N, C-alpha and C. Protein backbone atom coordinates (compact mmCIF):
# COMPACT_ATOMS: atom_id res chain seq x y z
N UNK A 1 0.27 3.25 38.83
CA UNK A 1 1.49 3.40 38.06
C UNK A 1 1.15 4.06 36.73
N UNK A 2 1.94 5.04 36.35
CA UNK A 2 1.73 5.75 35.09
C UNK A 2 2.86 5.41 34.13
N UNK A 3 2.50 5.17 32.88
CA UNK A 3 3.49 4.87 31.86
C UNK A 3 3.51 5.99 30.83
N UNK A 4 4.65 6.65 30.72
CA UNK A 4 4.85 7.66 29.68
C UNK A 4 5.75 7.13 28.57
N UNK A 5 6.65 6.21 28.94
CA UNK A 5 7.57 5.63 27.97
C UNK A 5 7.83 4.18 28.37
N UNK A 6 7.65 3.29 27.40
CA UNK A 6 7.81 1.85 27.63
C UNK A 6 8.92 1.35 26.72
N UNK A 7 9.89 0.65 27.28
CA UNK A 7 11.03 0.11 26.54
C UNK A 7 10.81 -1.38 26.31
N UNK A 8 10.88 -1.80 25.05
CA UNK A 8 10.70 -3.22 24.71
C UNK A 8 11.88 -3.69 23.85
N UNK A 9 12.76 -4.52 24.42
CA UNK A 9 13.83 -5.12 23.62
C UNK A 9 13.28 -6.29 22.81
N UNK A 10 13.69 -6.40 21.55
CA UNK A 10 13.23 -7.50 20.69
C UNK A 10 14.42 -8.14 19.96
N UNK A 11 14.23 -9.41 19.61
CA UNK A 11 15.23 -10.11 18.81
C UNK A 11 14.60 -10.94 17.71
N UNK A 12 13.28 -10.85 17.58
CA UNK A 12 12.58 -11.62 16.56
C UNK A 12 12.04 -12.94 17.07
N UNK A 13 12.40 -13.33 18.29
CA UNK A 13 11.89 -14.59 18.85
C UNK A 13 10.42 -14.42 19.23
N UNK A 14 9.71 -15.54 19.37
CA UNK A 14 8.30 -15.48 19.76
C UNK A 14 8.09 -14.77 21.09
N UNK A 15 8.90 -15.06 22.14
CA UNK A 15 8.70 -14.32 23.40
C UNK A 15 8.91 -12.81 23.24
N UNK A 16 9.84 -12.38 22.40
CA UNK A 16 10.04 -10.94 22.23
C UNK A 16 8.89 -10.32 21.43
N UNK A 17 8.31 -11.08 20.51
CA UNK A 17 7.14 -10.59 19.77
C UNK A 17 5.95 -10.45 20.72
N UNK A 18 5.78 -11.41 21.62
CA UNK A 18 4.71 -11.33 22.62
C UNK A 18 4.94 -10.13 23.55
N UNK A 19 6.19 -9.88 23.93
CA UNK A 19 6.51 -8.72 24.76
C UNK A 19 6.18 -7.42 24.03
N UNK A 20 6.50 -7.37 22.74
CA UNK A 20 6.17 -6.19 21.94
C UNK A 20 4.66 -5.95 21.93
N UNK A 21 3.89 -7.00 21.71
CA UNK A 21 2.43 -6.85 21.66
C UNK A 21 1.89 -6.33 22.99
N UNK A 22 2.43 -6.85 24.09
CA UNK A 22 2.03 -6.36 25.41
C UNK A 22 2.40 -4.89 25.58
N UNK A 23 3.62 -4.54 25.17
CA UNK A 23 4.06 -3.15 25.25
C UNK A 23 3.21 -2.23 24.40
N UNK A 24 2.86 -2.67 23.20
CA UNK A 24 2.02 -1.86 22.31
C UNK A 24 0.63 -1.66 22.91
N UNK A 25 0.07 -2.72 23.52
CA UNK A 25 -1.24 -2.60 24.16
C UNK A 25 -1.20 -1.59 25.31
N UNK A 26 -0.15 -1.67 26.13
CA UNK A 26 -0.02 -0.72 27.25
C UNK A 26 0.22 0.70 26.75
N UNK A 27 1.04 0.84 25.72
CA UNK A 27 1.30 2.18 25.15
C UNK A 27 0.00 2.79 24.63
N UNK A 28 -0.82 1.98 23.99
CA UNK A 28 -2.10 2.46 23.47
C UNK A 28 -3.03 2.85 24.62
N UNK A 29 -3.09 2.02 25.64
CA UNK A 29 -3.97 2.26 26.79
C UNK A 29 -3.59 3.52 27.55
N UNK A 30 -2.26 3.74 27.76
CA UNK A 30 -1.80 4.85 28.57
C UNK A 30 -1.34 6.06 27.76
N UNK A 31 -1.39 5.98 26.44
CA UNK A 31 -0.90 7.08 25.62
C UNK A 31 0.60 7.26 25.75
N UNK A 32 1.30 6.16 25.98
CA UNK A 32 2.75 6.21 26.22
C UNK A 32 3.53 6.05 24.92
N UNK A 33 4.75 6.54 24.93
CA UNK A 33 5.69 6.30 23.84
C UNK A 33 6.19 4.86 23.97
N UNK A 34 6.38 4.20 22.84
CA UNK A 34 6.90 2.83 22.82
C UNK A 34 8.26 2.86 22.15
N UNK A 35 9.31 2.55 22.92
CA UNK A 35 10.65 2.48 22.37
C UNK A 35 11.03 1.01 22.20
N UNK A 36 11.27 0.62 20.96
CA UNK A 36 11.62 -0.77 20.65
C UNK A 36 13.09 -0.80 20.27
N UNK A 37 13.85 -1.66 20.95
CA UNK A 37 15.29 -1.74 20.71
C UNK A 37 15.69 -3.17 20.39
N UNK A 38 16.81 -3.30 19.70
CA UNK A 38 17.47 -4.58 19.56
C UNK A 38 18.95 -4.33 19.83
N UNK A 39 19.64 -5.37 20.25
CA UNK A 39 21.05 -5.22 20.63
C UNK A 39 21.92 -6.12 19.79
N UNK A 40 22.94 -5.53 19.20
CA UNK A 40 23.94 -6.30 18.46
C UNK A 40 25.11 -6.53 19.40
N UNK A 41 25.38 -7.79 19.68
CA UNK A 41 26.41 -8.18 20.64
C UNK A 41 27.55 -8.88 19.91
N UNK A 42 28.68 -8.23 19.85
CA UNK A 42 29.84 -8.79 19.15
C UNK A 42 30.55 -9.89 19.94
N UNK A 43 30.33 -9.97 21.22
CA UNK A 43 31.07 -10.91 22.06
C UNK A 43 30.70 -12.37 21.83
N UNK A 44 29.54 -12.61 21.26
CA UNK A 44 29.07 -13.99 21.12
C UNK A 44 29.21 -14.56 19.74
N UNK A 45 29.80 -13.81 18.86
CA UNK A 45 29.95 -14.30 17.50
C UNK A 45 31.30 -13.84 16.98
N UNK A 46 32.07 -14.73 16.45
CA UNK A 46 33.35 -14.37 15.86
C UNK A 46 33.25 -14.62 14.37
N UNK A 47 32.87 -13.58 13.64
CA UNK A 47 32.62 -13.77 12.22
C UNK A 47 33.90 -14.07 11.44
N UNK A 48 33.74 -14.85 10.40
CA UNK A 48 34.83 -15.06 9.46
C UNK A 48 34.60 -14.07 8.34
N UNK A 49 35.47 -13.08 8.28
CA UNK A 49 35.29 -12.02 7.30
C UNK A 49 35.82 -12.45 5.94
N UNK A 50 35.06 -12.15 4.93
CA UNK A 50 35.48 -12.37 3.57
C UNK A 50 34.93 -11.22 2.75
N UNK A 51 35.35 -11.10 1.53
CA UNK A 51 34.82 -10.02 0.70
C UNK A 51 33.32 -10.16 0.51
N UNK A 52 32.80 -11.38 0.54
CA UNK A 52 31.38 -11.61 0.33
C UNK A 52 30.50 -11.16 1.48
N UNK A 53 30.99 -11.24 2.72
CA UNK A 53 30.13 -10.86 3.84
C UNK A 53 30.66 -9.66 4.63
N UNK A 54 31.67 -9.00 4.13
CA UNK A 54 32.28 -7.88 4.84
C UNK A 54 31.29 -6.75 5.07
N UNK A 55 30.41 -6.46 4.09
CA UNK A 55 29.51 -5.32 4.23
C UNK A 55 28.55 -5.46 5.40
N UNK A 56 28.11 -6.68 5.69
CA UNK A 56 27.15 -6.82 6.78
C UNK A 56 27.78 -6.55 8.15
N UNK A 57 29.11 -6.42 8.22
CA UNK A 57 29.78 -6.11 9.48
C UNK A 57 30.22 -4.66 9.56
N UNK A 58 29.85 -3.85 8.59
CA UNK A 58 30.12 -2.41 8.67
C UNK A 58 29.06 -1.80 9.57
N UNK A 59 29.30 -0.59 10.03
CA UNK A 59 28.32 0.08 10.89
C UNK A 59 26.97 0.18 10.18
N UNK A 60 27.00 0.56 8.91
CA UNK A 60 25.76 0.68 8.15
C UNK A 60 25.07 -0.68 7.99
N UNK A 61 25.85 -1.71 7.73
CA UNK A 61 25.29 -3.05 7.58
C UNK A 61 24.67 -3.56 8.88
N UNK A 62 25.36 -3.33 9.99
CA UNK A 62 24.83 -3.76 11.28
C UNK A 62 23.57 -2.99 11.65
N UNK A 63 23.56 -1.69 11.35
CA UNK A 63 22.37 -0.87 11.60
C UNK A 63 21.18 -1.41 10.80
N UNK A 64 21.43 -1.76 9.53
CA UNK A 64 20.37 -2.32 8.68
C UNK A 64 19.84 -3.63 9.24
N UNK A 65 20.77 -4.49 9.68
CA UNK A 65 20.35 -5.78 10.26
C UNK A 65 19.51 -5.57 11.50
N UNK A 66 19.95 -4.65 12.36
CA UNK A 66 19.19 -4.37 13.58
C UNK A 66 17.81 -3.82 13.28
N UNK A 67 17.75 -2.87 12.36
CA UNK A 67 16.45 -2.28 12.00
C UNK A 67 15.54 -3.32 11.34
N UNK A 68 16.12 -4.26 10.59
CA UNK A 68 15.32 -5.32 9.98
C UNK A 68 14.66 -6.18 11.06
N UNK A 69 15.40 -6.46 12.13
CA UNK A 69 14.83 -7.23 13.25
C UNK A 69 13.67 -6.45 13.87
N UNK A 70 13.90 -5.17 14.16
CA UNK A 70 12.85 -4.35 14.76
C UNK A 70 11.65 -4.25 13.83
N UNK A 71 11.90 -3.95 12.56
CA UNK A 71 10.80 -3.78 11.60
C UNK A 71 9.96 -5.05 11.45
N UNK A 72 10.60 -6.21 11.57
CA UNK A 72 9.86 -7.47 11.45
C UNK A 72 8.89 -7.66 12.62
N UNK A 73 9.17 -7.02 13.73
CA UNK A 73 8.34 -7.16 14.92
C UNK A 73 7.27 -6.07 15.00
N UNK A 74 7.60 -4.85 14.61
CA UNK A 74 6.69 -3.71 14.84
C UNK A 74 5.71 -3.43 13.71
N UNK A 75 5.62 -4.31 12.75
CA UNK A 75 4.79 -4.03 11.58
C UNK A 75 3.31 -3.85 11.91
N UNK A 76 2.84 -4.35 13.04
CA UNK A 76 1.43 -4.24 13.40
C UNK A 76 1.17 -3.23 14.53
N UNK A 77 2.07 -2.28 14.73
CA UNK A 77 1.87 -1.31 15.81
C UNK A 77 0.68 -0.40 15.48
N UNK A 78 -0.19 -0.16 16.46
CA UNK A 78 -1.32 0.73 16.20
C UNK A 78 -0.84 2.12 15.74
N UNK A 79 -1.60 2.72 14.83
CA UNK A 79 -1.22 3.99 14.22
C UNK A 79 -0.99 5.12 15.22
N UNK A 80 -1.79 5.17 16.27
CA UNK A 80 -1.68 6.29 17.20
C UNK A 80 -0.72 6.04 18.36
N UNK A 81 0.15 5.03 18.25
CA UNK A 81 1.20 4.81 19.23
C UNK A 81 2.48 5.45 18.71
N UNK A 82 3.08 6.33 19.53
CA UNK A 82 4.35 6.94 19.15
C UNK A 82 5.44 5.87 19.29
N UNK A 83 6.10 5.57 18.20
CA UNK A 83 7.09 4.48 18.15
C UNK A 83 8.47 5.05 17.88
N UNK A 84 9.43 4.62 18.69
CA UNK A 84 10.84 4.94 18.47
C UNK A 84 11.59 3.63 18.31
N UNK A 85 12.47 3.55 17.30
CA UNK A 85 13.24 2.33 17.05
C UNK A 85 14.72 2.65 17.21
N UNK A 86 15.43 1.80 17.99
CA UNK A 86 16.84 2.05 18.29
C UNK A 86 17.63 0.74 18.21
N UNK A 87 18.77 0.79 17.53
CA UNK A 87 19.70 -0.33 17.52
C UNK A 87 20.82 0.00 18.52
N UNK A 88 21.03 -0.90 19.46
CA UNK A 88 22.07 -0.73 20.48
C UNK A 88 23.20 -1.72 20.20
N UNK A 89 24.36 -1.46 20.77
CA UNK A 89 25.52 -2.32 20.57
C UNK A 89 26.14 -2.66 21.92
N UNK A 90 26.63 -3.89 22.05
CA UNK A 90 27.34 -4.30 23.26
C UNK A 90 26.65 -5.43 23.98
N UNK A 91 26.95 -5.54 25.26
CA UNK A 91 26.34 -6.55 26.11
C UNK A 91 24.84 -6.25 26.20
N UNK A 92 23.97 -7.19 25.82
CA UNK A 92 22.55 -6.88 25.75
C UNK A 92 21.94 -6.34 27.04
N UNK A 93 22.15 -7.00 28.17
CA UNK A 93 21.53 -6.54 29.41
C UNK A 93 22.02 -5.15 29.79
N UNK A 94 23.32 -4.94 29.71
CA UNK A 94 23.87 -3.63 30.07
C UNK A 94 23.37 -2.54 29.12
N UNK A 95 23.33 -2.84 27.84
CA UNK A 95 22.88 -1.84 26.86
C UNK A 95 21.40 -1.49 27.09
N UNK A 96 20.58 -2.48 27.40
CA UNK A 96 19.15 -2.24 27.62
C UNK A 96 18.94 -1.43 28.89
N UNK A 97 19.63 -1.79 29.96
CA UNK A 97 19.50 -1.04 31.21
C UNK A 97 19.99 0.40 31.04
N UNK A 98 21.10 0.57 30.35
CA UNK A 98 21.62 1.92 30.10
C UNK A 98 20.63 2.74 29.27
N UNK A 99 20.03 2.13 28.26
CA UNK A 99 19.04 2.82 27.44
C UNK A 99 17.82 3.22 28.28
N UNK A 100 17.41 2.34 29.17
CA UNK A 100 16.27 2.66 30.05
C UNK A 100 16.62 3.85 30.93
N UNK A 101 17.81 3.86 31.48
CA UNK A 101 18.21 4.94 32.39
C UNK A 101 18.36 6.27 31.64
N UNK A 102 19.04 6.26 30.50
CA UNK A 102 19.27 7.51 29.78
C UNK A 102 18.00 7.99 29.07
N UNK A 103 17.18 7.07 28.61
CA UNK A 103 15.96 7.44 27.91
C UNK A 103 14.78 7.65 28.83
N UNK A 104 14.98 7.37 30.11
CA UNK A 104 13.95 7.59 31.13
C UNK A 104 12.66 6.80 30.88
N UNK A 105 12.81 5.56 30.42
CA UNK A 105 11.63 4.70 30.26
C UNK A 105 11.08 4.34 31.64
N UNK A 106 9.77 4.28 31.75
CA UNK A 106 9.12 3.97 33.03
C UNK A 106 9.16 2.49 33.36
N UNK A 107 9.30 1.65 32.33
CA UNK A 107 9.36 0.21 32.56
C UNK A 107 10.01 -0.47 31.35
N UNK A 108 10.38 -1.71 31.56
CA UNK A 108 10.92 -2.56 30.50
C UNK A 108 9.99 -3.78 30.40
N UNK A 109 9.61 -4.11 29.17
CA UNK A 109 8.80 -5.31 28.93
C UNK A 109 9.60 -6.18 27.97
N UNK A 110 9.95 -7.39 28.38
CA UNK A 110 10.77 -8.25 27.52
C UNK A 110 10.33 -9.69 27.60
N UNK A 111 10.75 -10.45 26.61
CA UNK A 111 10.46 -11.88 26.57
C UNK A 111 11.29 -12.64 27.57
N UNK A 112 10.80 -13.80 27.97
CA UNK A 112 11.49 -14.60 28.98
C UNK A 112 12.78 -15.21 28.47
N UNK A 113 12.86 -15.42 27.17
CA UNK A 113 14.11 -15.92 26.59
C UNK A 113 14.17 -15.50 25.13
N UNK A 114 15.39 -15.41 24.64
CA UNK A 114 15.58 -14.96 23.27
C UNK A 114 16.00 -16.09 22.36
N UNK A 115 16.67 -15.73 21.29
CA UNK A 115 17.04 -16.72 20.28
C UNK A 115 18.25 -17.56 20.67
N UNK A 116 19.00 -17.17 21.68
CA UNK A 116 20.14 -17.96 22.12
C UNK A 116 21.43 -17.55 21.45
N UNK A 117 22.49 -18.26 21.75
CA UNK A 117 23.83 -17.85 21.32
C UNK A 117 24.07 -18.01 19.83
N UNK A 118 23.18 -18.69 19.13
CA UNK A 118 23.35 -18.81 17.69
C UNK A 118 23.14 -17.46 17.01
N UNK A 119 22.30 -16.62 17.60
CA UNK A 119 22.02 -15.29 17.06
C UNK A 119 22.72 -14.25 17.93
N UNK A 120 23.06 -13.11 17.36
CA UNK A 120 23.81 -12.12 18.11
C UNK A 120 22.94 -11.07 18.78
N UNK A 121 21.63 -11.08 18.61
CA UNK A 121 20.81 -9.95 19.02
C UNK A 121 20.32 -10.00 20.47
N UNK A 122 20.20 -11.14 21.08
CA UNK A 122 19.60 -11.17 22.40
C UNK A 122 19.91 -12.53 23.01
N UNK A 123 20.40 -12.55 24.23
CA UNK A 123 20.81 -13.81 24.85
C UNK A 123 19.82 -14.25 25.91
N UNK A 124 19.68 -15.55 26.10
CA UNK A 124 18.69 -16.11 27.02
C UNK A 124 18.79 -15.63 28.45
N UNK A 125 19.97 -15.34 28.96
CA UNK A 125 20.12 -14.91 30.35
C UNK A 125 19.88 -13.42 30.52
N UNK A 126 19.58 -12.73 29.45
CA UNK A 126 19.40 -11.27 29.50
C UNK A 126 18.23 -10.90 30.41
N UNK A 127 17.11 -11.58 30.28
CA UNK A 127 15.95 -11.21 31.09
C UNK A 127 16.24 -11.33 32.58
N UNK A 128 16.96 -12.36 32.99
CA UNK A 128 17.31 -12.53 34.39
C UNK A 128 18.19 -11.39 34.87
N UNK A 129 19.19 -11.03 34.09
CA UNK A 129 20.09 -9.95 34.48
C UNK A 129 19.35 -8.61 34.56
N UNK A 130 18.44 -8.37 33.65
CA UNK A 130 17.67 -7.12 33.67
C UNK A 130 16.75 -7.07 34.88
N UNK A 131 16.08 -8.17 35.17
CA UNK A 131 15.20 -8.21 36.34
C UNK A 131 15.97 -7.88 37.61
N UNK A 132 17.19 -8.39 37.73
CA UNK A 132 17.98 -8.18 38.94
C UNK A 132 18.67 -6.82 39.00
N UNK A 133 18.89 -6.17 37.87
CA UNK A 133 19.71 -4.95 37.88
C UNK A 133 19.01 -3.67 37.44
N UNK A 134 17.88 -3.76 36.79
CA UNK A 134 17.19 -2.54 36.35
C UNK A 134 16.57 -1.84 37.56
N UNK A 135 16.55 -0.53 37.50
CA UNK A 135 15.98 0.26 38.60
C UNK A 135 14.57 0.74 38.28
N UNK A 136 13.88 0.01 37.40
CA UNK A 136 12.50 0.33 37.06
C UNK A 136 11.73 -0.98 37.06
N UNK A 137 10.40 -0.92 37.00
CA UNK A 137 9.63 -2.16 36.90
C UNK A 137 9.99 -2.90 35.60
N UNK A 138 10.11 -4.22 35.71
CA UNK A 138 10.42 -5.07 34.56
C UNK A 138 9.33 -6.14 34.48
N UNK A 139 8.72 -6.22 33.30
CA UNK A 139 7.69 -7.22 33.06
C UNK A 139 8.27 -8.24 32.10
N UNK A 140 8.28 -9.51 32.53
CA UNK A 140 8.81 -10.59 31.71
C UNK A 140 7.62 -11.39 31.17
N UNK A 141 7.55 -11.47 29.86
CA UNK A 141 6.43 -12.13 29.17
C UNK A 141 6.85 -13.53 28.74
N UNK A 142 6.03 -14.52 29.09
CA UNK A 142 6.33 -15.91 28.72
C UNK A 142 5.45 -16.37 27.60
């Protein structure tokens, strides 16, 4: 199996950090591009908007929050690994699978569970849905 592009969804949880490390190791070994994504899912959180927190729900604010999650995970990526960072929106499993298909990633490496419904970035059942529906190899890291 040859890896040219590896997709790693992250949410800041320990399993997603472990998945990132595995993806970075494989990217380094195979000279592959490493695409790290996080997903902002509006369906699981109904924010109470006020003037004090309105900015974090703007497109720019959400993009910043997503990039902050990615940046917190990728800070130790080896220098010679080509890294792409993407914030996705919507249902996490569907968004990740769609990104894999359109971006032509050779595989998906993800954590076995995420932060849960308290956080909006990644849901615990996502890994199961991706394993069953992705049309590429999926590696689940525990």
